[in-house]
């Protein structure tokens, strides 16, 4: 299932991009409880324009999450070129921890169970990129052979839920917990 109908006109594509950027900003500031009219106002378009590209608010949230997962995947793949995979994995998780701290859209939406069917492909690709980085760390002897991306997902998911529930707003604390998660998987 796709998150939206592919826009065919240049103006429709520009509107879609503006809506996604506005939604990312609004949800990042106010949480996923913010309304579609709030997003439309920020994008400078009407609600109908939003709903032409995104039939539901869930589809709009999914589009933001897919963008975030694609950025995560791209960064993981970029770090595959680093000579020390363990350091690269720490760098990736540290960067993403700070992003989670500053913008809770991803954590809140995933915790709320947002669109698992809409996100399946993006999630598979993102964690596949992390797994490739982990495979390099295993080959270099710095990560447990038995470690999987599911282990990182479960440990990090638990940490993000608690940090979010405790309203921890210090990026250094988020980085610290990302490091602890990875250290649990060190060889």
N, C-alpha and C. Protein backbone atom coordinates (compact mmCIF):
# COMPACT_ATOMS: atom_id res chain seq x y z
N UNK A 1 0.84 -1.17 0.00
CA UNK A 1 0.00 0.00 0.00
C UNK A 1 0.88 1.23 0.00
N UNK A 2 0.63 2.16 -0.84
CA UNK A 2 1.44 3.37 -0.92
C UNK A 2 0.88 4.43 0.02
N UNK A 3 1.73 5.38 0.38
CA UNK A 3 1.29 6.41 1.31
C UNK A 3 0.46 7.47 0.62
N UNK A 4 0.51 7.53 -0.68
CA UNK A 4 -0.26 8.54 -1.39
C UNK A 4 -0.28 8.23 -2.87
N UNK A 5 -1.18 8.89 -3.57
CA UNK A 5 -1.22 8.77 -5.03
C UNK A 5 -0.09 9.63 -5.57
N UNK A 6 0.65 9.11 -6.54
CA UNK A 6 1.77 9.85 -7.10
C UNK A 6 1.27 11.09 -7.84
N UNK A 7 1.71 12.26 -7.44
CA UNK A 7 1.29 13.48 -8.13
C UNK A 7 1.82 13.49 -9.55
N UNK A 8 1.01 13.95 -10.48
CA UNK A 8 1.41 13.94 -11.88
C UNK A 8 1.86 15.32 -12.35
N UNK A 9 1.33 16.38 -11.79
CA UNK A 9 1.67 17.73 -12.22
C UNK A 9 2.76 18.30 -11.34
N UNK A 10 3.55 19.20 -11.90
CA UNK A 10 4.64 19.82 -11.14
C UNK A 10 4.12 20.58 -9.93
N UNK A 11 2.99 21.30 -10.09
CA UNK A 11 2.45 22.05 -8.95
C UNK A 11 1.93 21.11 -7.88
N UNK A 12 1.39 19.98 -8.28
CA UNK A 12 0.92 19.00 -7.30
C UNK A 12 2.09 18.40 -6.53
N UNK A 13 3.18 18.16 -7.23
CA UNK A 13 4.37 17.63 -6.58
C UNK A 13 4.95 18.65 -5.59
N UNK A 14 5.00 19.92 -6.00
CA UNK A 14 5.48 20.97 -5.09
C UNK A 14 4.58 21.08 -3.86
N UNK A 15 3.27 21.03 -4.07
CA UNK A 15 2.33 21.09 -2.93
C UNK A 15 2.55 19.90 -2.00
N UNK A 16 2.73 18.73 -2.55
CA UNK A 16 2.95 17.53 -1.74
C UNK A 16 4.21 17.70 -0.89
N UNK A 17 5.28 18.17 -1.52
CA UNK A 17 6.54 18.38 -0.79
C UNK A 17 6.36 19.42 0.32
N UNK A 18 5.64 20.50 0.02
CA UNK A 18 5.38 21.53 1.04
C UNK A 18 4.56 20.97 2.19
N UNK A 19 3.57 20.15 1.86
CA UNK A 19 2.71 19.56 2.90
C UNK A 19 3.52 18.62 3.79
N UNK A 20 4.35 17.78 3.20
CA UNK A 20 5.16 16.84 4.00
C UNK A 20 6.13 17.62 4.89
N UNK A 21 6.78 18.64 4.34
CA UNK A 21 7.71 19.45 5.14
C UNK A 21 6.97 20.16 6.27
N UNK A 22 5.81 20.72 5.96
CA UNK A 22 5.01 21.40 6.98
C UNK A 22 4.55 20.41 8.05
N UNK A 23 4.12 19.25 7.63
CA UNK A 23 3.66 18.23 8.58
C UNK A 23 4.80 17.79 9.49
N UNK A 24 5.97 17.60 8.92
CA UNK A 24 7.13 17.21 9.74
C UNK A 24 7.41 18.28 10.79
N UNK A 25 7.33 19.55 10.40
CA UNK A 25 7.58 20.64 11.34
C UNK A 25 6.48 20.71 12.41
N UNK A 26 5.23 20.65 11.99
CA UNK A 26 4.11 20.77 12.93
C UNK A 26 4.10 19.58 13.90
N UNK A 27 4.22 18.37 13.38
CA UNK A 27 4.21 17.19 14.26
C UNK A 27 5.45 17.17 15.14
N UNK A 28 6.58 17.64 14.61
CA UNK A 28 7.80 17.71 15.40
C UNK A 28 7.65 18.66 16.58
N UNK A 29 6.94 19.75 16.37
CA UNK A 29 6.74 20.76 17.42
C UNK A 29 5.65 20.37 18.41
N UNK A 30 4.53 19.86 17.88
CA UNK A 30 3.33 19.66 18.70
C UNK A 30 2.97 18.20 18.93
N UNK A 31 3.67 17.29 18.27
CA UNK A 31 3.33 15.88 18.37
C UNK A 31 2.32 15.48 17.31
N UNK A 32 2.08 14.19 17.21
CA UNK A 32 1.19 13.70 16.15
C UNK A 32 -0.28 14.00 16.43
N UNK A 33 -0.55 14.61 17.59
CA UNK A 33 -1.91 15.02 17.91
C UNK A 33 -2.31 16.28 17.15
N UNK A 34 -1.34 16.99 16.58
CA UNK A 34 -1.64 18.20 15.81
C UNK A 34 -2.59 17.82 14.67
N UNK A 35 -3.35 18.82 14.21
CA UNK A 35 -4.40 18.53 13.23
C UNK A 35 -3.95 18.78 11.79
N UNK A 36 -4.69 18.18 10.88
CA UNK A 36 -4.45 18.41 9.45
C UNK A 36 -4.64 19.89 9.10
N UNK A 37 -5.66 20.59 9.64
CA UNK A 37 -5.75 22.03 9.36
C UNK A 37 -4.50 22.80 9.82
N UNK A 38 -3.88 22.38 10.92
CA UNK A 38 -2.62 23.02 11.35
C UNK A 38 -1.54 22.83 10.29
N UNK A 39 -1.47 21.62 9.75
CA UNK A 39 -0.48 21.31 8.71
C UNK A 39 -0.77 22.12 7.46
N UNK A 40 -2.04 22.16 7.04
CA UNK A 40 -2.42 22.90 5.84
C UNK A 40 -2.06 24.38 5.99
N UNK A 41 -2.34 24.93 7.16
CA UNK A 41 -2.03 26.35 7.39
C UNK A 41 -0.52 26.59 7.29
N UNK A 42 0.28 25.71 7.89
CA UNK A 42 1.74 25.86 7.84
C UNK A 42 2.24 25.75 6.40
N UNK A 43 1.62 24.86 5.61
CA UNK A 43 2.05 24.66 4.22
C UNK A 43 1.53 25.76 3.29
N UNK A 44 0.56 26.52 3.77
CA UNK A 44 -0.02 27.57 2.93
C UNK A 44 -0.96 27.03 1.87
N UNK A 45 -1.63 25.92 2.21
CA UNK A 45 -2.59 25.31 1.29
C UNK A 45 -3.88 25.03 2.06
N UNK A 46 -4.91 24.67 1.34
CA UNK A 46 -6.17 24.30 1.98
C UNK A 46 -6.16 22.83 2.40
N UNK A 47 -7.10 22.48 3.30
CA UNK A 47 -7.21 21.08 3.74
C UNK A 47 -7.43 20.15 2.56
N UNK A 48 -8.20 20.60 1.57
CA UNK A 48 -8.49 19.74 0.41
C UNK A 48 -7.20 19.37 -0.33
N UNK A 49 -6.27 20.29 -0.38
CA UNK A 49 -4.98 20.00 -1.03
C UNK A 49 -4.24 18.91 -0.28
N UNK A 50 -4.27 18.98 1.03
CA UNK A 50 -3.63 17.94 1.84
C UNK A 50 -4.30 16.60 1.57
N UNK A 51 -5.63 16.58 1.62
CA UNK A 51 -6.35 15.32 1.46
C UNK A 51 -6.29 14.76 0.04
N UNK A 52 -5.99 15.59 -0.95
CA UNK A 52 -5.80 15.05 -2.31
C UNK A 52 -4.57 14.15 -2.39
N UNK A 53 -3.53 14.52 -1.65
CA UNK A 53 -2.32 13.71 -1.66
C UNK A 53 -2.32 12.65 -0.57
N UNK A 54 -3.00 12.93 0.53
CA UNK A 54 -2.98 12.03 1.69
C UNK A 54 -4.41 11.81 2.16
N UNK A 55 -4.99 10.67 1.84
CA UNK A 55 -6.40 10.44 2.16
C UNK A 55 -6.73 10.52 3.65
N UNK A 56 -5.74 10.23 4.50
CA UNK A 56 -5.97 10.30 5.95
C UNK A 56 -4.74 10.91 6.61
N UNK A 57 -4.92 11.33 7.85
CA UNK A 57 -3.79 11.84 8.63
C UNK A 57 -2.74 10.75 8.79
N UNK A 58 -3.19 9.50 8.91
CA UNK A 58 -2.27 8.37 9.04
C UNK A 58 -1.35 8.27 7.82
N UNK A 59 -1.89 8.52 6.63
CA UNK A 59 -1.06 8.50 5.42
C UNK A 59 -0.03 9.63 5.44
N UNK A 60 -0.43 10.77 5.96
CA UNK A 60 0.50 11.91 6.06
C UNK A 60 1.62 11.60 7.04
N UNK A 61 1.28 11.06 8.19
CA UNK A 61 2.29 10.67 9.18
C UNK A 61 3.21 9.61 8.59
N UNK A 62 2.64 8.65 7.86
CA UNK A 62 3.45 7.60 7.23
C UNK A 62 4.44 8.20 6.24
N UNK A 63 4.03 9.21 5.48
CA UNK A 63 4.94 9.85 4.51
C UNK A 63 6.14 10.47 5.23
N UNK A 64 5.89 11.09 6.38
CA UNK A 64 6.98 11.69 7.17
C UNK A 64 7.90 10.58 7.68
N UNK A 65 7.31 9.54 8.22
CA UNK A 65 8.10 8.44 8.77
C UNK A 65 8.93 7.77 7.69
N UNK A 66 8.36 7.61 6.51
CA UNK A 66 9.11 7.01 5.40
C UNK A 66 10.30 7.90 5.04
N UNK A 67 10.10 9.21 5.00
CA UNK A 67 11.22 10.12 4.74
C UNK A 67 12.31 9.95 5.79
N UNK A 68 11.90 9.85 7.06
CA UNK A 68 12.87 9.69 8.15
C UNK A 68 13.59 8.34 8.04
N UNK A 69 12.86 7.30 7.70
CA UNK A 69 13.50 5.98 7.55
C UNK A 69 14.46 5.97 6.36
N UNK A 70 14.08 6.64 5.28
CA UNK A 70 14.98 6.73 4.12
C UNK A 70 16.26 7.47 4.47
N UNK A 71 16.14 8.53 5.26
CA UNK A 71 17.33 9.28 5.69
C UNK A 71 18.20 8.41 6.60
N UNK A 72 17.59 7.66 7.49
CA UNK A 72 18.31 6.75 8.39
C UNK A 72 19.04 5.70 7.55
N UNK A 73 18.32 5.10 6.60
CA UNK A 73 18.93 4.09 5.73
C UNK A 73 20.11 4.68 4.94
N UNK A 74 19.92 5.86 4.36
CA UNK A 74 20.99 6.50 3.58
C UNK A 74 22.22 6.75 4.44
N UNK A 75 22.00 7.20 5.67
CA UNK A 75 23.14 7.46 6.56
C UNK A 75 23.85 6.16 6.92
N UNK A 76 23.10 5.11 7.18
CA UNK A 76 23.71 3.81 7.50
C UNK A 76 24.53 3.31 6.31
N UNK A 77 24.01 3.44 5.11
CA UNK A 77 24.74 2.99 3.91
C UNK A 77 25.99 3.85 3.69
N UNK A 78 25.88 5.14 3.95
CA UNK A 78 27.04 6.03 3.84
C UNK A 78 28.15 5.59 4.80
N UNK A 79 27.77 5.20 6.00
CA UNK A 79 28.75 4.80 7.01
C UNK A 79 29.37 3.43 6.73
N UNK A 80 28.81 2.69 5.79
CA UNK A 80 29.42 1.40 5.41
C UNK A 80 30.83 1.59 4.86
N UNK A 81 31.14 2.78 4.38
CA UNK A 81 32.47 3.06 3.82
C UNK A 81 33.51 3.38 4.90
N UNK A 82 33.07 3.57 6.13
CA UNK A 82 34.02 3.88 7.22
C UNK A 82 34.86 2.65 7.54
N UNK A 83 36.14 2.84 7.83
CA UNK A 83 37.00 1.69 8.11
C UNK A 83 36.63 0.93 9.39
N UNK A 84 36.17 1.63 10.43
CA UNK A 84 35.83 0.99 11.69
C UNK A 84 34.31 0.93 11.82
N UNK A 85 33.76 -0.25 11.57
CA UNK A 85 32.30 -0.41 11.56
C UNK A 85 31.68 -0.16 12.94
N UNK A 86 32.38 -0.54 14.02
CA UNK A 86 31.84 -0.34 15.36
C UNK A 86 31.68 1.16 15.65
N UNK A 87 32.71 1.93 15.32
CA UNK A 87 32.65 3.38 15.51
C UNK A 87 31.56 3.98 14.63
N UNK A 88 31.43 3.49 13.41
CA UNK A 88 30.40 3.98 12.50
C UNK A 88 29.00 3.68 13.04
N UNK A 89 28.82 2.51 13.61
CA UNK A 89 27.52 2.14 14.19
C UNK A 89 27.20 3.05 15.39
N UNK A 90 28.20 3.32 16.21
CA UNK A 90 28.01 4.25 17.33
C UNK A 90 27.65 5.64 16.81
N UNK A 91 28.33 6.07 15.77
CA UNK A 91 28.04 7.40 15.20
C UNK A 91 26.60 7.46 14.70
N UNK A 92 26.18 6.42 13.98
CA UNK A 92 24.81 6.37 13.46
C UNK A 92 23.80 6.45 14.59
N UNK A 93 23.95 5.60 15.58
CA UNK A 93 22.98 5.56 16.68
C UNK A 93 23.01 6.85 17.49
N UNK A 94 24.17 7.44 17.65
CA UNK A 94 24.28 8.71 18.38
C UNK A 94 23.55 9.82 17.63
N UNK A 95 23.76 9.90 16.33
CA UNK A 95 23.08 10.91 15.52
C UNK A 95 21.57 10.73 15.58
N UNK A 96 21.12 9.50 15.43
CA UNK A 96 19.68 9.24 15.41
C UNK A 96 19.07 9.44 16.79
N UNK A 97 19.84 9.20 17.84
CA UNK A 97 19.35 9.45 19.20
C UNK A 97 19.06 10.93 19.39
N UNK A 98 19.96 11.77 18.91
CA UNK A 98 19.75 13.22 19.02
C UNK A 98 18.52 13.62 18.20
N UNK A 99 18.38 13.06 17.00
CA UNK A 99 17.20 13.37 16.19
C UNK A 99 15.92 12.97 16.92
N UNK A 100 15.92 11.79 17.52
CA UNK A 100 14.74 11.35 18.30
C UNK A 100 14.46 12.32 19.44
N UNK A 101 15.49 12.75 20.11
CA UNK A 101 15.33 13.67 21.23
C UNK A 101 14.69 14.98 20.79
N UNK A 102 15.15 15.51 19.68
CA UNK A 102 14.69 16.81 19.22
C UNK A 102 13.37 16.76 18.46
N UNK A 103 13.03 15.60 17.89
CA UNK A 103 11.80 15.45 17.12
C UNK A 103 11.20 14.09 17.45
N UNK A 104 10.20 14.10 18.25
CA UNK A 104 9.61 12.85 18.74
C UNK A 104 8.57 12.25 17.79
N UNK A 105 8.44 12.79 16.58
CA UNK A 105 7.43 12.29 15.65
C UNK A 105 7.59 10.80 15.41
N UNK A 106 8.80 10.37 15.10
CA UNK A 106 9.04 8.97 14.79
C UNK A 106 8.68 8.08 15.96
N UNK A 107 9.22 8.38 17.13
CA UNK A 107 8.95 7.55 18.31
C UNK A 107 7.47 7.53 18.65
N UNK A 108 6.84 8.70 18.63
CA UNK A 108 5.42 8.78 18.99
C UNK A 108 4.55 8.02 18.00
N UNK A 109 4.84 8.17 16.73
CA UNK A 109 4.02 7.51 15.71
C UNK A 109 4.20 6.00 15.76
N UNK A 110 5.42 5.54 15.93
CA UNK A 110 5.66 4.11 16.00
C UNK A 110 5.07 3.53 17.27
N UNK A 111 5.17 4.26 18.37
CA UNK A 111 4.60 3.80 19.63
C UNK A 111 3.08 3.73 19.53
N UNK A 112 2.48 4.63 18.79
CA UNK A 112 1.03 4.64 18.62
C UNK A 112 0.58 3.58 17.63
N UNK A 113 1.53 2.87 17.02
CA UNK A 113 1.19 1.83 16.06
C UNK A 113 0.80 2.37 14.71
N UNK A 114 1.35 3.50 14.33
CA UNK A 114 0.98 4.15 13.07
C UNK A 114 1.35 3.31 11.86
N UNK A 115 0.39 3.03 11.07
CA UNK A 115 0.52 2.50 9.70
C UNK A 115 1.55 1.39 9.49
N UNK A 116 1.48 0.28 10.22
CA UNK A 116 2.49 -0.75 9.99
C UNK A 116 2.53 -1.23 8.54
N UNK A 117 1.38 -1.30 7.89
CA UNK A 117 1.35 -1.74 6.49
C UNK A 117 1.99 -0.72 5.56
N UNK A 118 1.82 0.57 5.87
CA UNK A 118 2.40 1.61 5.03
C UNK A 118 3.90 1.73 5.22
N UNK A 119 4.39 1.28 6.37
CA UNK A 119 5.80 1.48 6.71
C UNK A 119 6.67 0.24 6.51
N UNK A 120 6.06 -0.88 6.17
CA UNK A 120 6.79 -2.16 6.14
C UNK A 120 8.02 -2.12 5.24
N UNK A 121 7.91 -1.61 4.05
CA UNK A 121 9.04 -1.60 3.12
C UNK A 121 10.15 -0.67 3.61
N UNK A 122 9.79 0.51 4.06
CA UNK A 122 10.79 1.45 4.57
C UNK A 122 11.51 0.88 5.79
N UNK A 123 10.76 0.24 6.66
CA UNK A 123 11.35 -0.36 7.86
C UNK A 123 12.31 -1.49 7.46
N UNK A 124 11.90 -2.31 6.51
CA UNK A 124 12.75 -3.43 6.06
C UNK A 124 14.07 -2.90 5.49
N UNK A 125 13.99 -1.88 4.66
CA UNK A 125 15.20 -1.32 4.04
C UNK A 125 16.10 -0.64 5.07
N UNK A 126 15.51 0.11 6.00
CA UNK A 126 16.28 0.80 7.02
C UNK A 126 17.04 -0.21 7.88
N UNK A 127 16.34 -1.22 8.39
CA UNK A 127 17.00 -2.19 9.25
C UNK A 127 17.95 -3.09 8.47
N UNK A 128 17.70 -3.27 7.18
CA UNK A 128 18.65 -4.00 6.34
C UNK A 128 19.98 -3.27 6.24
N UNK A 129 19.92 -1.94 6.15
CA UNK A 129 21.15 -1.14 6.11
C UNK A 129 21.89 -1.22 7.44
N UNK A 130 21.15 -1.19 8.55
CA UNK A 130 21.78 -1.33 9.86
C UNK A 130 22.42 -2.71 9.98
N UNK A 131 21.72 -3.72 9.51
CA UNK A 131 22.25 -5.09 9.55
C UNK A 131 23.56 -5.20 8.76
N UNK A 132 23.64 -4.52 7.61
CA UNK A 132 24.87 -4.54 6.82
C UNK A 132 26.03 -3.93 7.62
N UNK A 133 25.76 -2.85 8.32
CA UNK A 133 26.79 -2.22 9.15
C UNK A 133 27.16 -3.14 10.31
N UNK A 134 26.17 -3.79 10.88
CA UNK A 134 26.43 -4.75 11.96
C UNK A 134 27.26 -5.93 11.46
N UNK A 135 26.97 -6.41 10.26
CA UNK A 135 27.75 -7.52 9.68
C UNK A 135 29.22 -7.15 9.55
N UNK A 136 29.48 -5.91 9.17
CA UNK A 136 30.87 -5.45 9.09
C UNK A 136 31.51 -5.44 10.47
N UNK A 137 30.78 -4.96 11.48
CA UNK A 137 31.32 -4.94 12.84
C UNK A 137 31.59 -6.36 13.34
N UNK A 138 30.72 -7.28 13.00
CA UNK A 138 30.93 -8.69 13.39
C UNK A 138 32.19 -9.23 12.71
N UNK A 139 32.33 -8.93 11.42
CA UNK A 139 33.50 -9.41 10.67
C UNK A 139 34.79 -8.82 11.24
N UNK A 140 34.72 -7.62 11.81
CA UNK A 140 35.88 -6.99 12.43
C UNK A 140 36.08 -7.44 13.87
N UNK A 141 35.17 -8.27 14.37
CA UNK A 141 35.30 -8.82 15.72
C UNK A 141 34.89 -7.89 16.84
N UNK A 142 34.16 -6.83 16.53
CA UNK A 142 33.78 -5.87 17.57
C UNK A 142 32.34 -6.02 18.04
N UNK A 143 31.57 -6.86 17.37
CA UNK A 143 30.17 -7.07 17.75
C UNK A 143 29.91 -8.55 17.91
N UNK A 144 29.07 -8.89 18.87
CA UNK A 144 28.70 -10.28 19.09
C UNK A 144 28.19 -10.91 17.79
N UNK A 145 28.62 -12.11 17.52
CA UNK A 145 28.16 -12.82 16.32
C UNK A 145 26.65 -13.05 16.35
N UNK A 146 26.10 -13.23 17.54
CA UNK A 146 24.67 -13.54 17.66
C UNK A 146 23.78 -12.30 17.58
N UNK A 147 24.36 -11.11 17.57
CA UNK A 147 23.57 -9.88 17.55
C UNK A 147 22.83 -9.72 16.23
N UNK A 148 21.60 -9.23 16.32
CA UNK A 148 20.80 -8.98 15.12
C UNK A 148 20.24 -7.56 15.17
N UNK A 149 19.75 -7.11 14.04
CA UNK A 149 19.12 -5.79 14.03
C UNK A 149 17.86 -5.80 14.90
N UNK A 150 17.22 -6.97 15.04
CA UNK A 150 16.06 -7.06 15.93
C UNK A 150 16.47 -6.77 17.37
N UNK A 151 17.67 -7.20 17.77
CA UNK A 151 18.16 -6.90 19.11
C UNK A 151 18.28 -5.39 19.31
N UNK A 152 18.86 -4.72 18.32
CA UNK A 152 19.02 -3.26 18.41
C UNK A 152 17.64 -2.61 18.47
N UNK A 153 16.73 -3.08 17.62
CA UNK A 153 15.38 -2.53 17.57
C UNK A 153 14.68 -2.65 18.92
N UNK A 154 14.76 -3.82 19.53
CA UNK A 154 14.08 -4.04 20.82
C UNK A 154 14.73 -3.21 21.92
N UNK A 155 16.05 -3.25 22.01
CA UNK A 155 16.75 -2.50 23.06
C UNK A 155 16.57 -0.99 22.88
N UNK A 156 16.74 -0.51 21.66
CA UNK A 156 16.60 0.91 21.41
C UNK A 156 15.14 1.34 21.56
N UNK A 157 14.21 0.50 21.11
CA UNK A 157 12.79 0.81 21.26
C UNK A 157 12.42 0.98 22.73
N UNK A 158 12.93 0.10 23.58
CA UNK A 158 12.68 0.22 25.01
C UNK A 158 13.27 1.49 25.59
N UNK A 159 14.48 1.80 25.19
CA UNK A 159 15.13 3.02 25.68
C UNK A 159 14.36 4.26 25.23
N UNK A 160 13.96 4.31 23.96
CA UNK A 160 13.25 5.50 23.47
C UNK A 160 11.90 5.66 24.15
N UNK A 161 11.22 4.56 24.41
CA UNK A 161 9.93 4.65 25.10
C UNK A 161 10.11 5.25 26.50
N UNK A 162 11.12 4.78 27.22
CA UNK A 162 11.35 5.28 28.57
C UNK A 162 11.83 6.74 28.56
N UNK A 163 12.73 7.07 27.65
CA UNK A 163 13.21 8.45 27.57
C UNK A 163 12.07 9.40 27.21
N UNK A 164 11.21 8.94 26.32
CA UNK A 164 10.05 9.75 25.93
C UNK A 164 9.07 9.87 27.10
N UNK A 165 8.77 8.74 27.75
CA UNK A 165 7.84 8.76 28.88
C UNK A 165 8.34 9.64 30.01
N UNK A 166 9.66 9.64 30.23
CA UNK A 166 10.25 10.47 31.28
C UNK A 166 10.51 11.90 30.82
N UNK A 167 10.13 12.19 29.58
CA UNK A 167 10.28 13.52 28.99
C UNK A 167 11.72 14.03 29.07
N UNK A 168 12.67 13.15 28.77
CA UNK A 168 14.09 13.52 28.76
C UNK A 168 14.35 14.34 27.50
N UNK A 169 14.79 15.57 27.70
CA UNK A 169 15.01 16.49 26.58
C UNK A 169 16.48 16.80 26.36
N UNK A 170 17.37 16.09 27.03
CA UNK A 170 18.81 16.33 26.92
C UNK A 170 19.40 15.38 25.87
N UNK A 171 19.86 15.92 24.73
CA UNK A 171 20.43 15.07 23.68
C UNK A 171 21.60 14.21 24.18
N UNK A 172 22.37 14.71 25.15
CA UNK A 172 23.48 13.92 25.68
C UNK A 172 22.98 12.65 26.37
N UNK A 173 21.85 12.74 27.05
CA UNK A 173 21.27 11.55 27.69
C UNK A 173 20.82 10.54 26.64
N UNK A 174 20.22 11.03 25.57
CA UNK A 174 19.78 10.14 24.49
C UNK A 174 20.99 9.45 23.85
N UNK A 175 22.07 10.22 23.63
CA UNK A 175 23.30 9.63 23.07
C UNK A 175 23.86 8.57 24.02
N UNK A 176 23.84 8.88 25.31
CA UNK A 176 24.36 7.95 26.31
C UNK A 176 23.61 6.61 26.24
N UNK A 177 22.30 6.67 26.15
CA UNK A 177 21.52 5.43 26.09
C UNK A 177 21.74 4.68 24.76
N UNK A 178 21.93 5.41 23.68
CA UNK A 178 22.24 4.75 22.42
C UNK A 178 23.55 3.96 22.56
N UNK A 179 24.53 4.57 23.22
CA UNK A 179 25.79 3.88 23.46
C UNK A 179 25.63 2.66 24.34
N UNK A 180 24.81 2.77 25.38
CA UNK A 180 24.56 1.62 26.26
C UNK A 180 23.91 0.47 25.50
N UNK A 181 22.97 0.81 24.62
CA UNK A 181 22.30 -0.22 23.81
C UNK A 181 23.34 -0.96 22.98
N UNK A 182 24.19 -0.23 22.30
CA UNK A 182 25.21 -0.88 21.47
C UNK A 182 26.22 -1.64 22.31
N UNK A 183 26.62 -1.08 23.44
CA UNK A 183 27.60 -1.76 24.29
C UNK A 183 27.09 -3.11 24.78
N UNK A 184 25.78 -3.25 24.88
CA UNK A 184 25.21 -4.56 25.27
C UNK A 184 25.46 -5.62 24.20
N UNK A 185 25.78 -5.18 22.99
CA UNK A 185 25.99 -6.11 21.88
C UNK A 185 27.46 -6.21 21.47
N UNK A 186 28.32 -5.60 22.24
CA UNK A 186 29.77 -5.59 21.92
C UNK A 186 30.36 -6.99 22.11
N UNK A 187 31.31 -7.31 21.26
CA UNK A 187 31.97 -8.64 21.36
C UNK A 187 32.91 -8.68 22.56
